[in-house]
């Protein structure tokens, strides 16, 4: 599994918008393995798992990647940074899944009221489609998934219980430091958050995960989960701050 970073440093949406330089619009798709490798890995802060990536491409497979975003607020201009990288993935012929982490949004100190989640998901989908269309990329290999589409299933719930029996409170809290809102008396939901994200990789059936530098500890946590017999991942990162992870073994 591979991971990708997209920002070298954390920055506000205003700063990101100031530093963002839109890539040239390219309507053509990559055809050779080298072209696909270049599109998938360019402008990344770090890439882990390049050999695994190339082997998948050499096997003629469409690489499956997912990027998740919690529907906690309004998408803003800085969203063009991850969108520009997702555009690269689509041009490289990757199957791209965008996960709307509606359940995560609720668990993260209830940043989004439960009643508002469904409407927020529809809003995010329309905005993101419009952003990608403005970058001139095909959307035929793009799909949107809600966390609640599968995270409330029997299979996922059983995996959550298995994970909870293996992970310490210390590791779970540390993994969510940069993502979960930190308060003096944290809720149990914040401790569940990193584990749920680690399980998403398996239940979405992807080869790789793309995310920001603030996700580093969660990706490291996911790698540690592999020692528990869960899911092993590797990682690449982009020059603005994201990751890509490559799966190796089956979950549990």
C-alpha atoms as a PDB file:
ATOM      1  CA  UNK A   1       0.000   0.000   0.000  1.00  0.00           C
ATOM      2  CA  UNK A   2       1.263   3.558  -0.699  1.00  0.00           C
ATOM      3  CA  UNK A   3       0.696   6.902   0.974  1.00  0.00           C
ATOM      4  CA  UNK A   4       1.044  10.439  -0.468  1.00  0.00           C
ATOM      5  CA  UNK A   5       1.602  13.845   1.181  1.00  0.00           C
ATOM      6  CA  UNK A   6       0.552  17.042  -0.496  1.00  0.00           C
ATOM      7  CA  UNK A   7       1.807  19.901   1.697  1.00  0.00           C
ATOM      8  CA  UNK A   8       5.345  20.429   2.951  1.00  0.00           C
ATOM      9  CA  UNK A   9       4.056  22.525   5.801  1.00  0.00           C
ATOM     10  CA  UNK A  10       0.715  23.062   7.379  1.00  0.00           C
ATOM     11  CA  UNK A  11      -0.869  26.279   6.140  1.00  0.00           C
ATOM     12  CA  UNK A  12      -4.165  28.091   6.389  1.00  0.00           C
ATOM     13  CA  UNK A  13      -6.580  28.077   3.484  1.00  0.00           C
ATOM     14  CA  UNK A  14      -5.538  31.669   2.714  1.00  0.00           C
ATOM     15  CA  UNK A  15      -1.850  30.736   2.658  1.00  0.00           C
ATOM     16  CA  UNK A  16      -2.516  27.639   0.579  1.00  0.00           C
ATOM     17  CA  UNK A  17      -4.466  29.698  -1.926  1.00  0.00           C
ATOM     18  CA  UNK A  18      -1.605  32.199  -2.103  1.00  0.00           C
ATOM     19  CA  UNK A  19       1.005  29.476  -2.733  1.00  0.00           C
ATOM     20  CA  UNK A  20      -1.114  27.309  -5.006  1.00  0.00           C
ATOM     21  CA  UNK A  21      -0.120  27.246  -8.672  1.00  0.00           C
ATOM     22  CA  UNK A  22      -2.588  25.461 -10.919  1.00  0.00           C
ATOM     23  CA  UNK A  23      -1.052  22.791 -13.162  1.00  0.00           C
ATOM     24  CA  UNK A  24      -1.482  23.183 -16.903  1.00  0.00           C
ATOM     25  CA  UNK A  25      -4.750  21.680 -18.065  1.00  0.00           C
ATOM     26  CA  UNK A  26      -4.059  18.399 -19.860  1.00  0.00           C
ATOM     27  CA  UNK A  27      -6.856  16.525 -21.520  1.00  0.00           C
ATOM     28  CA  UNK A  28      -4.701  13.623 -22.697  1.00  0.00           C
ATOM     29  CA  UNK A  29      -4.321  10.485 -20.592  1.00  0.00           C
ATOM     30  CA  UNK A  30      -1.048   8.775 -19.804  1.00  0.00           C
ATOM     31  CA  UNK A  31      -0.498   5.563 -21.760  1.00  0.00           C
ATOM     32  CA  UNK A  32       2.979   4.264 -20.910  1.00  0.00           C
ATOM     33  CA  UNK A  33       4.057   2.956 -17.510  1.00  0.00           C
ATOM     34  CA  UNK A  34       6.645   5.729 -17.169  1.00  0.00           C
ATOM     35  CA  UNK A  35       4.037   8.401 -17.927  1.00  0.00           C
ATOM     36  CA  UNK A  36       1.698   6.929 -15.336  1.00  0.00           C
ATOM     37  CA  UNK A  37       4.481   6.696 -12.744  1.00  0.00           C
ATOM     38  CA  UNK A  38       5.355  10.331 -13.345  1.00  0.00           C
ATOM     39  CA  UNK A  39       1.766  11.524 -12.979  1.00  0.00           C
ATOM     40  CA  UNK A  40       1.094   9.479  -9.842  1.00  0.00           C
ATOM     41  CA  UNK A  41       4.293  10.429  -8.019  1.00  0.00           C
ATOM     42  CA  UNK A  42       5.140  13.956  -9.213  1.00  0.00           C
ATOM     43  CA  UNK A  43       5.060  16.886  -6.782  1.00  0.00           C
ATOM     44  CA  UNK A  44       4.984  14.574  -3.784  1.00  0.00           C
ATOM     45  CA  UNK A  45       6.863  15.321  -0.597  1.00  0.00           C
ATOM     46  CA  UNK A  46       7.530  11.639  -0.044  1.00  0.00           C
ATOM     47  CA  UNK A  47       6.793   8.429  -1.881  1.00  0.00           C
ATOM     48  CA  UNK A  48       6.913   5.052  -0.156  1.00  0.00           C
ATOM     49  CA  UNK A  49       6.162   1.938  -2.140  1.00  0.00           C
ATOM     50  CA  UNK A  50       7.298   2.966  -5.625  1.00  0.00           C
ATOM     51  CA  UNK A  51       8.342  -0.591  -6.442  1.00  0.00           C
ATOM     52  CA  UNK A  52       4.888  -1.892  -5.514  1.00  0.00           C
ATOM     53  CA  UNK A  53       3.294   0.835  -7.632  1.00  0.00           C
ATOM     54  CA  UNK A  54       5.389  -0.002 -10.691  1.00  0.00           C
ATOM     55  CA  UNK A  55       4.656  -3.711 -10.325  1.00  0.00           C
ATOM     56  CA  UNK A  56       0.919  -3.023 -10.342  1.00  0.00           C
ATOM     57  CA  UNK A  57       1.263  -0.904 -13.474  1.00  0.00           C
ATOM     58  CA  UNK A  58       3.426  -3.530 -15.167  1.00  0.00           C
ATOM     59  CA  UNK A  59       0.695  -6.097 -14.449  1.00  0.00           C
ATOM     60  CA  UNK A  60      -1.643  -3.868 -16.431  1.00  0.00           C
ATOM     61  CA  UNK A  61      -3.838  -3.078 -13.455  1.00  0.00           C
ATOM     62  CA  UNK A  62      -5.637   0.186 -12.820  1.00  0.00           C
ATOM     63  CA  UNK A  63      -4.309   1.386  -9.473  1.00  0.00           C
ATOM     64  CA  UNK A  64      -7.104   1.945  -6.933  1.00  0.00           C
ATOM     65  CA  UNK A  65      -6.586   5.006  -4.736  1.00  0.00           C
ATOM     66  CA  UNK A  66      -8.773   6.687  -2.173  1.00  0.00           C
ATOM     67  CA  UNK A  67      -8.786  10.108  -0.587  1.00  0.00           C
ATOM     68  CA  UNK A  68     -10.970  10.860   2.407  1.00  0.00           C
ATOM     69  CA  UNK A  69     -12.320  14.122   3.694  1.00  0.00           C
ATOM     70  CA  UNK A  70     -14.466  14.712   6.758  1.00  0.00           C
ATOM     71  CA  UNK A  71     -17.565  16.737   5.944  1.00  0.00           C
ATOM     72  CA  UNK A  72     -17.065  19.178   8.810  1.00  0.00           C
ATOM     73  CA  UNK A  73     -17.274  22.530   7.031  1.00  0.00           C
ATOM     74  CA  UNK A  74     -17.291  24.225   3.638  1.00  0.00           C
ATOM     75  CA  UNK A  75     -14.821  23.232   0.897  1.00  0.00           C
ATOM     76  CA  UNK A  76     -12.652  26.267   0.093  1.00  0.00           C
ATOM     77  CA  UNK A  77     -10.136  27.353  -2.529  1.00  0.00           C
ATOM     78  CA  UNK A  78      -7.323  25.373  -0.859  1.00  0.00           C
ATOM     79  CA  UNK A  79      -9.159  22.190  -1.863  1.00  0.00           C
ATOM     80  CA  UNK A  80      -7.644  22.760  -5.303  1.00  0.00           C
ATOM     81  CA  UNK A  81      -4.339  21.486  -3.889  1.00  0.00           C
ATOM     82  CA  UNK A  82      -5.484  17.875  -3.281  1.00  0.00           C
ATOM     83  CA  UNK A  83      -7.766  18.137  -6.339  1.00  0.00           C
ATOM     84  CA  UNK A  84      -4.770  18.891  -8.568  1.00  0.00           C
ATOM     85  CA  UNK A  85      -3.132  15.675  -7.381  1.00  0.00           C
ATOM     86  CA  UNK A  86      -6.338  13.679  -7.739  1.00  0.00           C
ATOM     87  CA  UNK A  87      -6.489  15.032 -11.293  1.00  0.00           C
ATOM     88  CA  UNK A  88      -3.038  13.486 -11.856  1.00  0.00           C
ATOM     89  CA  UNK A  89      -4.308  10.131 -10.589  1.00  0.00           C
ATOM     90  CA  UNK A  90      -7.286  10.245 -12.961  1.00  0.00           C
ATOM     91  CA  UNK A  91      -5.064  11.194 -15.910  1.00  0.00           C
ATOM     92  CA  UNK A  92      -2.895   8.200 -15.043  1.00  0.00           C
ATOM     93  CA  UNK A  93      -5.932   5.933 -15.387  1.00  0.00           C
ATOM     94  CA  UNK A  94      -6.298   5.247 -11.664  1.00  0.00           C
ATOM     95  CA  UNK A  95      -9.627   4.251 -10.145  1.00  0.00           C
ATOM     96  CA  UNK A  96     -10.224   7.080  -7.695  1.00  0.00           C
ATOM     97  CA  UNK A  97     -12.532   6.835  -4.696  1.00  0.00           C
ATOM     98  CA  UNK A  98     -13.369   9.926  -2.682  1.00  0.00           C
ATOM     99  CA  UNK A  99     -14.624   9.000   0.764  1.00  0.00           C
ATOM    100  CA  UNK A 100     -16.901  11.436   2.518  1.00  0.00           C
ATOM    101  CA  UNK A 101     -16.156  10.587   6.131  1.00  0.00           C
ATOM    102  CA  UNK A 102     -19.525  11.632   7.485  1.00  0.00           C
ATOM    103  CA  UNK A 103     -19.347   9.311  10.475  1.00  0.00           C
ATOM    104  CA  UNK A 104     -15.806  10.532  11.256  1.00  0.00           C
ATOM    105  CA  UNK A 105     -17.056  14.117  11.054  1.00  0.00           C
ATOM    106  CA  UNK A 106     -19.602  13.361  13.735  1.00  0.00           C
ATOM    107  CA  UNK A 107     -17.148  11.443  15.928  1.00  0.00           C
ATOM    108  CA  UNK A 108     -14.542  14.245  15.815  1.00  0.00           C
ATOM    109  CA  UNK A 109     -15.962  16.059  18.813  1.00  0.00           C
ATOM    110  CA  UNK A 110     -19.300  16.325  16.974  1.00  0.00           C
ATOM    111  CA  UNK A 111     -17.998  18.983  14.554  1.00  0.00           C
ATOM    112  CA  UNK A 112     -20.950  18.223  12.261  1.00  0.00           C
ATOM    113  CA  UNK A 113     -24.488  17.672  13.639  1.00  0.00           C
ATOM    114  CA  UNK A 114     -25.910  14.292  12.631  1.00  0.00           C
ATOM    115  CA  UNK A 115     -28.948  15.903  11.000  1.00  0.00           C
ATOM    116  CA  UNK A 116     -26.721  17.996   8.701  1.00  0.00           C
ATOM    117  CA  UNK A 117     -24.413  15.223   7.447  1.00  0.00           C
ATOM    118  CA  UNK A 118     -26.497  14.031   4.463  1.00  0.00           C
ATOM    119  CA  UNK A 119     -26.873  17.539   3.062  1.00  0.00           C
ATOM    120  CA  UNK A 120     -23.184  18.269   3.581  1.00  0.00           C
ATOM    121  CA  UNK A 121     -22.207  15.138   1.629  1.00  0.00           C
ATOM    122  CA  UNK A 122     -24.297  16.241  -1.382  1.00  0.00           C
ATOM    123  CA  UNK A 123     -22.781  19.717  -1.183  1.00  0.00           C
ATOM    124  CA  UNK A 124     -19.226  18.337  -1.082  1.00  0.00           C
ATOM    125  CA  UNK A 125     -19.871  16.035  -4.050  1.00  0.00           C
ATOM    126  CA  UNK A 126     -21.150  18.861  -6.244  1.00  0.00           C
ATOM    127  CA  UNK A 127     -18.286  21.185  -5.312  1.00  0.00           C
ATOM    128  CA  UNK A 128     -15.573  18.555  -5.870  1.00  0.00           C
ATOM    129  CA  UNK A 129     -17.013  17.472  -9.224  1.00  0.00           C
ATOM    130  CA  UNK A 130     -17.006  21.084 -10.343  1.00  0.00           C
ATOM    131  CA  UNK A 131     -13.387  21.571  -9.236  1.00  0.00           C
ATOM    132  CA  UNK A 132     -12.184  18.474 -11.095  1.00  0.00           C
ATOM    133  CA  UNK A 133     -14.141  19.402 -14.221  1.00  0.00           C
ATOM    134  CA  UNK A 134     -12.439  22.808 -14.161  1.00  0.00           C
ATOM    135  CA  UNK A 135      -9.088  20.973 -14.228  1.00  0.00           C
ATOM    136  CA  UNK A 136     -10.134  19.200 -17.410  1.00  0.00           C
ATOM    137  CA  UNK A 137      -9.944  15.579 -16.283  1.00  0.00           C
ATOM    138  CA  UNK A 138     -12.281  12.651 -17.084  1.00  0.00           C
ATOM    139  CA  UNK A 139     -14.507  11.541 -14.223  1.00  0.00           C
ATOM    140  CA  UNK A 140     -15.459   8.094 -15.521  1.00  0.00           C
ATOM    141  CA  UNK A 141     -13.125   6.386 -13.001  1.00  0.00           C
ATOM    142  CA  UNK A 142     -14.157   8.599 -10.093  1.00  0.00           C
ATOM    143  CA  UNK A 143     -16.650   7.471  -7.492  1.00  0.00           C
ATOM    144  CA  UNK A 144     -17.925   8.884  -4.227  1.00  0.00           C
ATOM    145  CA  UNK A 145     -18.570   6.795  -1.124  1.00  0.00           C
ATOM    146  CA  UNK A 146     -20.052   7.796   2.224  1.00  0.00           C
ATOM    147  CA  UNK A 147     -18.528   6.344   5.355  1.00  0.00           C
ATOM    148  CA  UNK A 148     -21.976   5.384   6.599  1.00  0.00           C
ATOM    149  CA  UNK A 149     -22.475   3.273   3.436  1.00  0.00           C
ATOM    150  CA  UNK A 150     -20.298   0.548   4.981  1.00  0.00           C
ATOM    151  CA  UNK A 151     -19.034   1.688   8.388  1.00  0.00           C
ATOM    152  CA  UNK A 152     -22.286   0.637  10.053  1.00  0.00           C
ATOM    153  CA  UNK A 153     -22.217  -2.842   8.522  1.00  0.00           C
ATOM    154  CA  UNK A 154     -21.812  -6.057  10.530  1.00  0.00           C
ATOM    155  CA  UNK A 155     -18.419  -6.837   8.951  1.00  0.00           C
ATOM    156  CA  UNK A 156     -16.970  -3.408   9.659  1.00  0.00           C
ATOM    157  CA  UNK A 157     -18.317  -3.387  13.200  1.00  0.00           C
ATOM    158  CA  UNK A 158     -16.672  -6.761  13.927  1.00  0.00           C
ATOM    159  CA  UNK A 159     -13.340  -5.431  12.662  1.00  0.00           C
ATOM    160  CA  UNK A 160     -13.699  -2.368  14.904  1.00  0.00           C
ATOM    161  CA  UNK A 161     -14.155  -4.631  17.926  1.00  0.00           C
ATOM    162  CA  UNK A 162     -11.150  -6.720  16.902  1.00  0.00           C
ATOM    163  CA  UNK A 163      -9.056  -3.576  16.543  1.00  0.00           C
ATOM    164  CA  UNK A 164     -10.227  -2.270  19.921  1.00  0.00           C
ATOM    165  CA  UNK A 165      -8.998  -5.478  21.562  1.00  0.00           C
ATOM    166  CA  UNK A 166      -5.483  -4.948  20.162  1.00  0.00           C
ATOM    167  CA  UNK A 167      -4.765  -1.202  20.244  1.00  0.00           C
ATOM    168  CA  UNK A 168      -3.765   0.672  23.417  1.00  0.00           C
ATOM    169  CA  UNK A 169      -5.309   3.962  24.508  1.00  0.00           C
ATOM    170  CA  UNK A 170      -1.860   5.590  24.218  1.00  0.00           C
ATOM    171  CA  UNK A 171      -1.390   4.565  20.588  1.00  0.00           C
ATOM    172  CA  UNK A 172      -4.905   5.580  19.581  1.00  0.00           C
ATOM    173  CA  UNK A 173      -4.592   9.010  21.208  1.00  0.00           C
ATOM    174  CA  UNK A 174      -1.156   9.638  19.714  1.00  0.00           C
ATOM    175  CA  UNK A 175      -2.336   8.659  16.218  1.00  0.00           C
ATOM    176  CA  UNK A 176      -5.102  11.254  16.276  1.00  0.00           C
ATOM    177  CA  UNK A 177      -3.063  14.138  17.666  1.00  0.00           C
ATOM    178  CA  UNK A 178      -2.897  16.146  14.429  1.00  0.00           C
ATOM    179  CA  UNK A 179      -6.411  15.326  13.211  1.00  0.00           C
ATOM    180  CA  UNK A 180      -8.773  14.960  16.157  1.00  0.00           C
ATOM    181  CA  UNK A 181      -9.641  18.078  18.110  1.00  0.00           C
ATOM    182  CA  UNK A 182      -7.587  18.002  21.303  1.00  0.00           C
ATOM    183  CA  UNK A 183      -9.426  18.810  24.537  1.00  0.00           C
ATOM    184  CA  UNK A 184      -8.603  18.324  28.216  1.00  0.00           C
ATOM    185  CA  UNK A 185     -11.218  15.587  28.609  1.00  0.00           C
ATOM    186  CA  UNK A 186     -11.372  13.777  25.240  1.00  0.00           C
ATOM    187  CA  UNK A 187     -14.350  11.729  24.227  1.00  0.00           C
ATOM    188  CA  UNK A 188     -14.016   8.040  23.430  1.00  0.00           C
ATOM    189  CA  UNK A 189     -15.050   8.832  19.833  1.00  0.00           C
ATOM    190  CA  UNK A 190     -11.745  10.634  19.275  1.00  0.00           C
ATOM    191  CA  UNK A 191      -9.845   7.478  20.216  1.00  0.00           C
ATOM    192  CA  UNK A 192     -11.857   5.413  17.734  1.00  0.00           C
ATOM    193  CA  UNK A 193     -11.177   7.803  14.853  1.00  0.00           C
ATOM    194  CA  UNK A 194      -7.636   6.616  13.851  1.00  0.00           C
ATOM    195  CA  UNK A 195      -8.643   2.957  13.948  1.00  0.00           C
ATOM    196  CA  UNK A 196     -11.675   3.558  11.769  1.00  0.00           C
ATOM    197  CA  UNK A 197      -9.500   5.259   9.158  1.00  0.00           C
ATOM    198  CA  UNK A 198      -7.043   2.357   9.218  1.00  0.00           C
ATOM    199  CA  UNK A 199      -9.933  -0.031   8.519  1.00  0.00           C
ATOM    200  CA  UNK A 200     -11.244   2.085   5.632  1.00  0.00           C
ATOM    201  CA  UNK A 201      -8.320   1.014   3.425  1.00  0.00           C
ATOM    202  CA  UNK A 202      -9.376  -2.625   3.588  1.00  0.00           C
ATOM    203  CA  UNK A 203     -13.117  -2.149   3.369  1.00  0.00           C
ATOM    204  CA  UNK A 204     -12.843   0.164   0.349  1.00  0.00           C
ATOM    205  CA  UNK A 205     -10.741  -2.448  -1.459  1.00  0.00           C
ATOM    206  CA  UNK A 206      -8.042   0.035  -2.546  1.00  0.00           C
ATOM    207  CA  UNK A 207      -4.336  -0.249  -3.330  1.00  0.00           C
ATOM    208  CA  UNK A 208      -3.377   3.191  -2.028  1.00  0.00           C
ATOM    209  CA  UNK A 209      -4.440   6.081   0.162  1.00  0.00           C
ATOM    210  CA  UNK A 210      -3.820   9.779  -0.493  1.00  0.00           C
ATOM    211  CA  UNK A 211      -3.817  12.254   2.386  1.00  0.00           C
ATOM    212  CA  UNK A 212      -2.236  15.299   4.034  1.00  0.00           C
ATOM    213  CA  UNK A 213       0.797  15.642   6.259  1.00  0.00           C
ATOM    214  CA  UNK A 214      -1.538  15.941   9.219  1.00  0.00           C
ATOM    215  CA  UNK A 215      -2.373  12.295   8.524  1.00  0.00           C
ATOM    216  CA  UNK A 216       1.202  11.085   9.084  1.00  0.00           C
ATOM    217  CA  UNK A 217       0.582   9.670  12.560  1.00  0.00           C
ATOM    218  CA  UNK A 218      -2.560   7.869  11.445  1.00  0.00           C
ATOM    219  CA  UNK A 219      -0.671   6.276   8.544  1.00  0.00           C
ATOM    220  CA  UNK A 220       2.109   5.287  10.918  1.00  0.00           C
ATOM    221  CA  UNK A 221      -0.570   3.842  13.201  1.00  0.00           C
ATOM    222  CA  UNK A 222      -1.988   1.859  10.248  1.00  0.00           C
ATOM    223  CA  UNK A 223       1.468   0.430   9.575  1.00  0.00           C
ATOM    224  CA  UNK A 224       1.739  -0.577  13.229  1.00  0.00           C
ATOM    225  CA  UNK A 225      -1.631  -2.305  12.923  1.00  0.00           C
ATOM    226  CA  UNK A 226       0.029  -4.671  10.443  1.00  0.00           C
ATOM    227  CA  UNK A 227       2.010  -6.134  13.341  1.00  0.00           C
ATOM    228  CA  UNK A 228      -1.322  -7.026  14.948  1.00  0.00           C
ATOM    229  CA  UNK A 229      -2.283  -8.923  11.779  1.00  0.00           C
ATOM    230  CA  UNK A 230      -4.369  -6.049  10.483  1.00  0.00           C
ATOM    231  CA  UNK A 231      -3.249  -4.154   7.375  1.00  0.00           C
ATOM    232  CA  UNK A 232       0.283  -3.294   6.355  1.00  0.00           C
ATOM    233  CA  UNK A 233       0.856  -0.120   4.355  1.00  0.00           C
ATOM    234  CA  UNK A 234       3.702   1.808   2.792  1.00  0.00           C
ATOM    235  CA  UNK A 235       3.676   5.480   1.794  1.00  0.00           C
ATOM    236  CA  UNK A 236       4.471   8.286  -0.852  1.00  0.00           C
ATOM    237  CA  UNK A 237       4.037  12.034  -0.144  1.00  0.00           C
ATOM    238  CA  UNK A 238       3.510  15.110  -2.261  1.00  0.00           C
ATOM    239  CA  UNK A 239       5.171  18.509  -2.208  1.00  0.00           C
ATOM    240  CA  UNK A 240       2.084  20.154  -0.743  1.00  0.00           C
ATOM    241  CA  UNK A 241       1.347  17.477   1.902  1.00  0.00           C
ATOM    242  CA  UNK A 242      -0.293  14.086   1.130  1.00  0.00           C
ATOM    243  CA  UNK A 243       0.260  10.310   1.228  1.00  0.00           C
ATOM    244  CA  UNK A 244      -0.288   7.173  -0.791  1.00  0.00           C
ATOM    245  CA  UNK A 245      -0.258   3.675   0.878  1.00  0.00           C
ATOM    246  CA  UNK A 246       0.100   0.261  -0.756  1.00  0.00           C
ATOM    247  CA  UNK A 247      -1.628  -2.804   0.684  1.00  0.00           C
ATOM    248  CA  UNK A 248       0.318  -6.001   1.214  1.00  0.00           C
ATOM    249  CA  UNK A 249      -1.616  -8.593   3.228  1.00  0.00           C
ATOM    250  CA  UNK A 250      -5.196  -9.373   4.033  1.00  0.00           C
ATOM    251  CA  UNK A 251      -6.900  -7.810   7.027  1.00  0.00           C
ATOM    252  CA  UNK A 252      -6.962 -10.136  10.072  1.00  0.00           C
END
